[in-house]
Amino acid sequence: MKKKKIPTIIGIIILILSLATGVILVQNRQVFRLGATGQNSPKDVKISNITSSSFSVTWMTDVQNTGFVKYGNSVGNITNTKVEESAGSGYTHMVNLSGLSPQKSYFFKINSAGADFDNNGVTWQGQTLTSTEPDQPVLVSGSVLSATGTVVKNAIVYITAAGKLFSILTSQNGSWIISLPASTVSANNLLEISVLAGPNGISTAQIYATSANPVPTMILGQTHDFKNIPPNQDSDIPQASLGVPDISNQTSGFDIPENMATPSANTVTLESISNNEIVTSVKPEFFGEGPKGTEIQITVESNPITDNVTIPASGEWNWEIPENLPEGPHTITISWKDAGGILRTLTRNFVVQASEGPAFVSTPSATPRTTATPRLTTSPRPTASSSATPRTTSTPTLFPQPESGDLTPTILLSIMGISLIIFSFLLWKKSYV
């Protein structure tokens, strides 16, 4: 009879060991990485800023973590590493690979939170351009705010120009500035801009290159159309020119008095606010100058408020908005007809942030960062590669964040334990039949 009780004892021992193993696995899920691989896997991997000696790699993750890129000139020679541009963990990631050879393919993997990832079993690949003469840079800048008016730092800004992809991270004050090669932009070139800020949202915009320094403030969660913004007077976008003979010394059959203004000179100005300023009053006052007797129409959005003002004989006009504005982004548009009967408009963007202090406060300036000509390469959702510890020339310091697990192992082990109890009970009962 004692020999027949051995299976029952073994079952109880196995049950106890199974439960203990389940507790250990759950308590040490960071070590065994239960349920965390999908959240740390790189998504929306893009290659941008491609030149003859460098290119940038950007990606997103579902959780905040740190990462780096392992790269080499062949699949079997991925021995170099480069850490992220931004310090600390985040949802957005960017690595600039430099010192590369012209017109050469480079292979890379992304290490996210300590695990290596590739493109569904295939190593990612980027190729540098041929050596070219230096191109005159064109500056494009802007800033990003959340829907509540707060600055958005370390968001990825993508700019598509002439079919090429450029990227940059926003600074600590939410601003960004990037230099694009003049060969990729022209006076009539439309820039496609998108901002990715992880769970904080995205924003997109379209603007012509001559109006893009600066780009009006982009608000997360909104789609902007800036195509109607007039060109900057100091824009450094190359312009076409025609040779016109000098006729300054020639005379016509009639004279024009020097003090007579042409229709194009009848310009209305808005001096109380510049583009993208932060306004600290919910009921700001606007003022400017213009030709006397000119009737201007003023419209403030997002909730449209429209009013008409006639410029007095002094040539100085002012208008106070009749109701309080909610905090957040707004636009003021001034319309008038010049002496030639042509309808002209003036548009400014501003953000209301109610606080003590002056009505208008300039936004902080951007911190320049130079990148170069890219070529777009997109890739599908990555998977973890089998070689998690390849050779590296340098060992980056990682600070992984606590990762969430799930109760799947515990549930499975509990089911296994209950099954073992039932099986042991049946064996025990059978031994006495």
Protein backbone atom coordinates (compact mmCIF):
# COMPACT_ATOMS: atom_id res chain seq x y z
CA MET A 1 0.00 0.00 0.00
CA LYS A 2 2.81 2.47 0.71
CA LYS A 3 4.18 2.08 -2.82
CA LYS A 4 0.81 3.06 -4.25
CA LYS A 5 0.91 6.36 -2.29
CA ILE A 6 4.15 7.52 -3.94
CA PRO A 7 2.40 9.19 -6.97
CA THR A 8 0.31 11.32 -4.58
CA ILE A 9 3.42 12.57 -2.78
CA ILE A 10 5.15 13.30 -6.08
CA GLY A 11 2.10 15.26 -7.30
CA ILE A 12 2.05 17.41 -4.18
CA ILE A 13 5.78 18.12 -4.52
CA ILE A 14 5.34 19.08 -8.20
CA LEU A 15 2.42 21.36 -7.28
CA ILE A 16 4.46 23.16 -4.62
CA LEU A 17 7.40 23.59 -7.01
CA SER A 18 5.08 24.86 -9.76
CA LEU A 19 3.53 27.49 -7.51
CA ALA A 20 6.95 28.60 -6.24
CA THR A 21 8.23 28.86 -9.82
CA GLY A 22 5.21 30.99 -10.80
CA VAL A 23 5.80 33.40 -7.92
CA ILE A 24 9.49 33.74 -8.85
CA LEU A 25 8.68 34.38 -12.52
CA VAL A 26 6.14 37.08 -11.71
CA GLN A 27 8.39 38.81 -9.15
CA ASN A 28 11.34 38.77 -11.56
CA ARG A 29 9.48 39.54 -14.79
CA GLN A 30 12.05 42.24 -15.63
CA VAL A 31 14.77 39.62 -15.76
CA PHE A 32 12.75 37.17 -17.84
CA ARG A 33 11.05 40.05 -19.77
CA LEU A 34 7.54 38.58 -19.61
CA GLY A 35 5.08 40.46 -21.81
CA ALA A 36 7.37 43.48 -22.39
CA THR A 37 8.95 42.77 -25.78
CA GLY A 38 6.02 44.13 -27.79
CA GLN A 39 5.98 47.42 -25.90
CA ASN A 40 9.71 47.98 -26.31
CA SER A 41 9.87 46.98 -29.99
CA PRO A 42 10.75 49.87 -32.34
CA LYS A 43 7.89 51.14 -34.50
CA ASP A 44 7.77 53.58 -37.45
CA VAL A 45 11.48 53.08 -38.12
CA LYS A 46 12.67 55.67 -40.67
CA ILE A 47 15.99 56.58 -42.27
CA SER A 48 16.46 60.30 -42.93
CA ASN A 49 19.08 63.04 -43.31
CA ILE A 50 21.08 60.91 -45.75
CA THR A 51 24.35 62.43 -47.00
CA SER A 52 27.54 61.01 -48.43
CA SER A 53 28.91 60.44 -44.90
CA SER A 54 25.92 60.08 -42.56
CA PHE A 55 22.25 59.28 -42.05
CA SER A 56 19.79 59.34 -39.15
CA VAL A 57 17.67 56.53 -37.72
CA THR A 58 14.42 57.40 -35.91
CA TRP A 59 11.79 55.19 -34.25
CA MET A 60 8.96 55.16 -31.69
CA THR A 61 8.16 52.86 -28.73
CA ASP A 62 4.93 52.27 -26.79
CA VAL A 63 6.70 52.78 -23.46
CA GLN A 64 9.46 55.14 -22.38
CA ASN A 65 12.90 53.55 -22.61
CA THR A 66 16.40 54.13 -23.94
CA GLY A 67 18.11 52.61 -26.94
CA PHE A 68 21.02 52.70 -29.34
CA VAL A 69 21.92 51.49 -32.84
CA LYS A 70 24.38 48.73 -33.73
CA TYR A 71 25.73 49.05 -37.26
CA GLY A 72 28.40 47.88 -39.68
CA ASN A 73 29.26 47.61 -43.38
CA SER A 74 27.95 44.03 -43.63
CA VAL A 75 25.40 41.78 -41.93
CA GLY A 76 28.15 39.78 -40.27
CA ASN A 77 30.16 42.82 -39.19
CA ILE A 78 27.78 44.86 -37.02
CA THR A 79 30.41 45.93 -34.51
CA ASN A 80 29.83 49.67 -34.05
CA THR A 81 27.35 51.38 -31.73
CA LYS A 82 25.87 54.87 -31.47
CA VAL A 83 23.64 56.09 -28.64
CA GLU A 84 20.60 58.35 -28.89
CA GLU A 85 20.79 62.12 -29.37
CA SER A 86 18.47 62.88 -26.43
CA ALA A 87 19.38 62.00 -22.85
CA GLY A 88 17.08 59.89 -20.71
CA SER A 89 14.22 57.60 -21.66
CA GLY A 90 11.32 58.55 -23.94
CA TYR A 91 8.78 57.46 -26.51
CA THR A 92 10.71 59.04 -29.42
CA HIS A 93 14.24 58.05 -30.42
CA MET A 94 16.84 59.39 -32.86
CA VAL A 95 20.41 58.30 -33.63
CA ASN A 96 22.73 60.05 -36.11
CA LEU A 97 25.32 57.77 -37.72
CA SER A 98 28.30 59.77 -39.01
CA GLY A 99 31.78 59.12 -40.39
CA LEU A 100 30.45 56.76 -43.08
CA SER A 101 31.88 56.15 -46.55
CA PRO A 102 30.18 57.59 -49.67
CA GLN A 103 27.83 55.43 -51.75
CA LYS A 104 28.05 52.47 -49.40
CA SER A 105 25.44 50.26 -47.73
CA TYR A 106 25.36 49.99 -43.95
CA PHE A 107 23.40 47.42 -41.94
CA PHE A 108 22.02 48.07 -38.47
CA LYS A 109 19.89 46.74 -35.62
CA ILE A 110 18.10 48.72 -32.93
CA ASN A 111 18.70 47.88 -29.28
CA SER A 112 15.63 48.96 -27.31
CA ALA A 113 15.64 48.53 -23.52
CA GLY A 114 18.45 45.96 -23.73
CA ALA A 115 17.00 43.74 -26.50
CA ASP A 116 18.07 43.71 -30.16
CA PHE A 117 15.46 44.16 -32.88
CA ASP A 118 15.59 43.83 -36.65
CA ASN A 119 13.13 44.11 -39.54
CA ASN A 120 11.19 40.83 -39.21
CA GLY A 121 14.35 38.74 -39.29
CA VAL A 122 16.10 40.98 -41.83
CA THR A 123 18.72 43.51 -40.78
CA TRP A 124 17.83 47.12 -41.58
CA GLN A 125 19.88 48.73 -44.32
CA GLY A 126 20.73 52.31 -45.30
CA GLN A 127 22.91 53.62 -48.10
CA THR A 128 24.90 56.85 -48.21
CA LEU A 129 24.94 59.19 -51.20
CA THR A 130 27.77 59.85 -53.62
CA SER A 131 30.19 62.64 -52.82
CA THR A 132 28.69 65.97 -53.86
CA GLU A 133 29.70 69.60 -53.71
CA PRO A 134 28.52 71.46 -50.59
CA ASP A 135 25.05 72.95 -51.09
CA GLN A 136 23.93 76.34 -49.82
CA PRO A 137 21.78 75.60 -46.72
CA VAL A 138 18.28 77.00 -46.23
CA LEU A 139 17.03 77.37 -42.66
CA VAL A 140 13.56 76.16 -41.67
CA SER A 141 12.37 76.56 -38.07
CA GLY A 142 9.27 76.36 -35.89
CA SER A 143 7.87 75.28 -32.54
CA VAL A 144 5.41 72.71 -31.17
CA LEU A 145 2.82 73.09 -28.41
CA SER A 146 0.36 70.66 -26.86
CA ALA A 147 -3.40 71.24 -27.02
CA THR A 148 -3.17 72.93 -23.61
CA GLY A 149 -0.43 75.34 -24.73
CA THR A 150 2.56 73.66 -23.06
CA VAL A 151 5.84 73.11 -24.90
CA VAL A 152 6.54 69.69 -26.39
CA LYS A 153 10.16 68.54 -26.08
CA ASN A 154 11.93 65.65 -27.83
CA ALA A 155 9.18 65.25 -30.44
CA ILE A 156 10.31 64.05 -33.87
CA VAL A 157 9.74 66.62 -36.63
CA TYR A 158 9.73 65.14 -40.16
CA ILE A 159 10.00 67.40 -43.22
CA THR A 160 9.50 66.03 -46.71
CA ALA A 161 10.97 68.23 -49.46
CA ALA A 162 11.42 67.18 -53.09
CA GLY A 163 10.75 63.56 -52.14
CA LYS A 164 13.51 63.50 -49.50
CA LEU A 165 13.03 63.08 -45.75
CA PHE A 166 14.59 65.31 -43.09
CA SER A 167 14.20 64.94 -39.32
CA ILE A 168 15.01 66.80 -36.12
CA LEU A 169 14.06 66.63 -32.42
CA THR A 170 12.37 69.54 -30.67
CA SER A 171 14.44 71.24 -27.98
CA GLN A 172 13.58 71.63 -24.28
CA ASN A 173 11.50 74.73 -25.09
CA GLY A 174 9.59 73.00 -27.89
CA SER A 175 11.39 74.77 -30.74
CA TRP A 176 13.30 73.28 -33.69
CA ILE A 177 15.50 74.51 -36.52
CA ILE A 178 16.99 72.55 -39.40
CA SER A 179 19.07 73.47 -42.46
CA LEU A 180 17.91 71.99 -45.76
CA PRO A 181 20.04 71.92 -48.90
CA ALA A 182 18.90 74.59 -51.36
CA SER A 183 18.79 71.95 -54.09
CA THR A 184 15.80 70.29 -52.38
CA VAL A 185 13.69 73.42 -51.92
CA SER A 186 12.65 76.23 -54.22
CA ALA A 187 10.35 79.24 -54.06
CA ASN A 188 7.30 77.24 -55.17
CA ASN A 189 8.16 74.03 -53.31
CA LEU A 190 5.55 72.73 -50.83
CA LEU A 191 6.94 71.30 -47.60
CA GLU A 192 5.12 68.47 -45.82
CA ILE A 193 5.73 68.63 -42.05
CA SER A 194 4.64 66.08 -39.45
CA VAL A 195 5.31 65.98 -35.71
CA LEU A 196 5.27 62.70 -33.72
CA ALA A 197 5.20 62.99 -29.93
CA GLY A 198 4.27 59.48 -28.80
CA PRO A 199 1.08 59.28 -26.69
CA ASN A 200 0.89 63.09 -26.67
CA GLY A 201 -0.33 62.99 -30.27
CA ILE A 202 0.72 64.08 -33.75
CA SER A 203 0.37 67.18 -35.91
CA THR A 204 0.75 67.79 -39.64
CA ALA A 205 1.16 70.91 -41.77
CA GLN A 206 1.75 72.12 -45.32
CA ILE A 207 3.67 75.31 -46.08
CA TYR A 208 5.64 76.79 -48.95
CA ALA A 209 9.39 76.98 -48.46
CA THR A 210 9.51 80.79 -48.76
CA SER A 211 7.21 81.10 -45.72
CA ALA A 212 8.83 78.44 -43.54
CA ASN A 213 11.23 80.51 -41.45
CA PRO A 214 9.59 80.36 -39.08
CA VAL A 215 6.77 77.87 -39.56
CA PRO A 216 3.76 78.99 -37.45
CA THR A 217 3.40 77.13 -34.17
CA MET A 218 2.06 73.60 -34.68
CA ILE A 219 -0.45 72.24 -32.13
CA LEU A 220 -0.60 68.52 -31.39
CA GLY A 221 -3.83 66.94 -32.54
CA GLN A 222 -4.37 69.50 -35.31
CA THR A 223 -3.86 69.54 -39.08
CA HIS A 224 -2.55 72.92 -40.26
CA ASP A 225 -2.76 74.53 -43.67
CA PHE A 226 -0.18 77.32 -43.90
CA LYS A 227 -0.15 77.58 -47.69
CA ASN A 228 -1.78 81.03 -47.66
CA ILE A 229 0.94 82.63 -45.51
CA PRO A 230 2.84 85.28 -47.52
CA PRO A 231 6.57 84.73 -48.18
CA ASN A 232 9.12 86.07 -45.71
CA GLN A 233 10.76 89.26 -46.93
CA ASP A 234 14.16 88.03 -45.78
CA SER A 235 13.68 84.50 -47.09
CA ASP A 236 16.92 82.93 -48.30
CA ILE A 237 15.15 80.58 -50.73
CA PRO A 238 16.77 80.93 -54.18
CA GLN A 239 14.62 83.11 -56.43
CA ALA A 240 14.52 83.26 -60.20
CA SER A 241 15.75 86.54 -61.68
CA LEU A 242 15.38 88.19 -65.05
CA GLY A 243 17.74 90.68 -66.62
CA VAL A 244 15.97 94.06 -66.92
CA PRO A 245 17.64 96.98 -68.71
CA ASP A 246 18.43 100.04 -66.61
CA ILE A 247 15.97 102.80 -67.52
CA SER A 248 16.64 105.03 -64.52
CA ASN A 249 18.13 107.74 -66.72
CA GLN A 250 15.40 107.58 -69.35
CA THR A 251 12.43 109.92 -69.25
CA SER A 252 8.81 109.28 -70.09
CA GLY A 253 6.28 111.62 -71.63
CA PHE A 254 4.89 112.63 -68.22
CA ASP A 255 6.05 113.11 -64.63
CA ILE A 256 4.72 111.61 -61.41
CA PRO A 257 4.95 113.74 -58.24
CA GLU A 258 7.35 112.23 -55.73
CA ASN A 259 4.86 112.43 -52.86
CA MET A 260 2.17 110.42 -54.65
CA ALA A 261 1.86 106.91 -53.27
CA THR A 262 1.26 103.96 -55.55
CA PRO A 263 -1.56 101.51 -54.70
CA SER A 264 0.90 98.89 -53.40
CA ALA A 265 2.14 101.34 -50.77
CA ASN A 266 -1.24 101.42 -48.99
CA THR A 267 -0.25 98.80 -46.42
CA VAL A 268 -1.89 98.09 -43.08
CA THR A 269 0.44 96.91 -40.32
CA LEU A 270 -0.11 95.00 -37.06
CA GLU A 271 2.50 96.15 -34.56
CA SER A 272 1.16 94.79 -31.27
CA ILE A 273 1.97 91.16 -31.97
CA SER A 274 4.42 89.16 -34.05
CA ASN A 275 3.87 85.70 -35.43
CA ASN A 276 3.76 82.84 -32.88
CA GLU A 277 3.91 85.08 -29.81
CA ILE A 278 2.53 83.95 -26.45
CA VAL A 279 -0.12 86.34 -25.15
CA THR A 280 -0.60 86.55 -21.38
CA SER A 281 -3.97 88.32 -21.52
CA VAL A 282 -7.30 86.66 -22.32
CA LYS A 283 -8.57 90.00 -23.72
CA PRO A 284 -5.64 91.47 -25.68
CA GLU A 285 -5.61 94.79 -27.54
CA PHE A 286 -4.38 94.97 -31.14
CA PHE A 287 -3.03 98.07 -32.85
CA GLY A 288 -1.07 99.16 -35.91
CA GLU A 289 -0.86 101.71 -38.71
CA GLY A 290 -2.38 102.22 -42.13
CA PRO A 291 -3.69 104.75 -44.66
CA LYS A 292 -6.31 107.02 -43.15
CA GLY A 293 -9.89 106.26 -44.04
CA THR A 294 -9.13 102.64 -44.91
CA GLU A 295 -11.72 100.21 -43.56
CA ILE A 296 -10.19 97.00 -42.22
CA GLN A 297 -11.95 93.80 -41.23
CA ILE A 298 -10.50 91.99 -38.21
CA THR A 299 -11.25 88.31 -37.58
CA VAL A 300 -9.97 86.34 -34.57
CA GLU A 301 -10.25 82.55 -34.46
CA SER A 302 -10.65 79.71 -33.18
CA ASN A 303 -14.20 80.85 -32.31
CA PRO A 304 -14.61 83.48 -35.04
CA ILE A 305 -14.96 87.07 -33.77
CA THR A 306 -15.27 89.63 -36.58
CA ASP A 307 -15.31 93.44 -36.43
CA ASN A 308 -14.71 96.38 -38.76
CA VAL A 309 -12.46 99.34 -37.96
CA THR A 310 -11.88 102.53 -39.96
CA ILE A 311 -8.37 103.95 -39.67
CA PRO A 312 -8.53 107.55 -38.36
CA ALA A 313 -6.71 110.58 -39.76
CA SER A 314 -3.71 109.90 -37.49
CA GLY A 315 -3.02 106.69 -39.42
CA GLU A 316 -2.94 104.69 -36.17
CA TRP A 317 -5.67 102.15 -35.41
CA ASN A 318 -6.41 100.04 -32.34
CA TRP A 319 -9.00 97.40 -31.47
CA GLU A 320 -9.75 95.54 -28.26
CA ILE A 321 -11.35 92.14 -28.56
CA PRO A 322 -14.89 92.30 -27.09
CA GLU A 323 -14.77 88.97 -25.21
CA ASN A 324 -12.26 86.80 -23.39
CA LEU A 325 -10.31 84.27 -25.43
CA PRO A 326 -9.83 80.69 -24.16
CA GLU A 327 -6.28 79.54 -23.50
CA GLY A 328 -4.64 77.90 -26.50
CA PRO A 329 -3.76 78.74 -30.12
CA HIS A 330 -5.55 81.51 -32.05
CA THR A 331 -5.25 83.36 -35.36
CA ILE A 332 -5.93 87.01 -36.21
CA THR A 333 -6.57 87.98 -39.83
CA ILE A 334 -6.78 91.58 -41.08
CA SER A 335 -8.33 92.24 -44.51
CA TRP A 336 -8.51 95.50 -46.47
CA LYS A 337 -8.59 96.88 -50.01
CA ASP A 338 -5.67 98.97 -51.19
CA ALA A 339 -5.95 102.06 -53.41
CA GLY A 340 -6.02 99.83 -56.47
CA GLY A 341 -9.04 97.90 -55.17
CA ILE A 342 -7.03 94.73 -54.52
CA LEU A 343 -8.03 92.73 -51.44
CA ARG A 344 -5.06 92.17 -49.13
CA THR A 345 -4.77 90.13 -45.94
CA LEU A 346 -2.41 89.93 -42.98
CA THR A 347 -2.43 86.83 -40.74
CA ARG A 348 -0.68 86.22 -37.42
CA ASN A 349 -0.77 83.18 -35.14
CA PHE A 350 -0.58 83.52 -31.35
CA VAL A 351 -1.15 81.46 -28.20
CA VAL A 352 -3.07 82.67 -25.15
CA GLN A 353 -1.57 81.72 -21.79
CA ALA A 354 -3.30 83.76 -19.10
CA SER A 355 -0.95 84.93 -16.33
CA GLU A 356 0.27 88.04 -14.56
CA GLY A 357 2.51 90.23 -16.69
CA PRO A 358 2.54 92.06 -20.02
CA ALA A 359 -0.01 91.23 -22.71
CA PHE A 360 2.53 90.00 -25.24
CA VAL A 361 5.63 87.89 -24.53
CA SER A 362 7.94 86.66 -27.25
CA THR A 363 8.51 82.95 -27.55
CA PRO A 364 12.07 81.70 -26.90
CA SER A 365 14.43 81.38 -29.79
CA ALA A 366 15.37 78.05 -31.29
CA THR A 367 18.65 76.25 -30.86
CA PRO A 368 20.19 75.42 -34.27
CA ARG A 369 21.11 71.92 -35.19
CA THR A 370 22.48 71.04 -38.61
CA THR A 371 21.43 68.00 -40.59
CA ALA A 372 21.72 67.13 -44.25
CA THR A 373 19.96 65.69 -47.27
CA PRO A 374 17.95 62.52 -46.57
CA ARG A 375 16.31 59.76 -48.54
CA LEU A 376 13.13 58.11 -47.21
CA THR A 377 13.16 54.45 -46.23
CA THR A 378 10.27 52.94 -44.29
CA SER A 379 10.00 49.49 -42.79
CA PRO A 380 7.31 47.20 -41.32
CA ARG A 381 6.92 46.26 -37.66
CA PRO A 382 10.17 44.83 -36.29
CA THR A 383 10.76 41.57 -34.44
CA ALA A 384 13.42 40.63 -31.95
CA SER A 385 16.53 39.03 -33.45
CA SER A 386 18.06 35.83 -32.13
CA SER A 387 21.50 37.28 -31.40
CA ALA A 388 20.89 39.49 -28.38
CA THR A 389 24.56 40.10 -27.52
CA PRO A 390 26.70 40.90 -30.61
CA ARG A 391 30.20 42.28 -30.33
CA THR A 392 30.43 46.04 -29.87
CA THR A 393 33.27 48.53 -29.94
CA SER A 394 31.75 50.52 -27.07
CA THR A 395 29.31 49.68 -24.32
CA PRO A 396 26.56 52.31 -23.87
CA THR A 397 25.09 52.82 -20.44
CA LEU A 398 21.39 52.00 -20.37
CA PHE A 399 18.86 52.87 -17.74
CA PRO A 400 15.87 50.62 -18.41
CA GLN A 401 12.57 51.57 -16.88
CA PRO A 402 10.42 49.10 -14.95
CA GLU A 403 8.46 47.09 -17.49
CA SER A 404 4.93 45.87 -17.11
CA GLY A 405 4.20 42.15 -17.21
CA ASP A 406 0.94 40.21 -17.18
CA LEU A 407 -0.76 37.47 -15.19
CA THR A 408 -0.65 34.90 -17.99
CA PRO A 409 2.17 32.79 -16.41
CA THR A 410 0.42 32.78 -13.03
CA ILE A 411 -2.91 31.75 -14.55
CA LEU A 412 -1.29 28.97 -16.57
CA LEU A 413 0.65 27.69 -13.57
CA SER A 414 -2.48 27.84 -11.40
CA ILE A 415 -4.38 25.75 -13.94
CA MET A 416 -1.46 23.32 -14.00
CA GLY A 417 -1.47 23.12 -10.20
CA ILE A 418 -5.21 22.50 -10.00
CA SER A 419 -4.90 19.80 -12.66
CA LEU A 420 -2.11 18.16 -10.67
CA ILE A 421 -4.28 18.21 -7.52
CA ILE A 422 -7.16 16.53 -9.37
CA PHE A 423 -4.80 13.99 -10.95
CA SER A 424 -3.19 13.21 -7.57
CA PHE A 425 -6.60 12.81 -5.95
CA LEU A 426 -7.70 10.35 -8.66
CA LEU A 427 -4.50 8.32 -8.21
CA TRP A 428 -4.98 8.28 -4.45
CA LYS A 429 -8.60 7.19 -4.80
CA LYS A 430 -7.67 4.51 -7.31
CA SER A 431 -5.05 3.09 -4.95
CA TYR A 432 -7.82 2.19 -2.46
CA VAL A 433 -10.25 0.74 -5.00
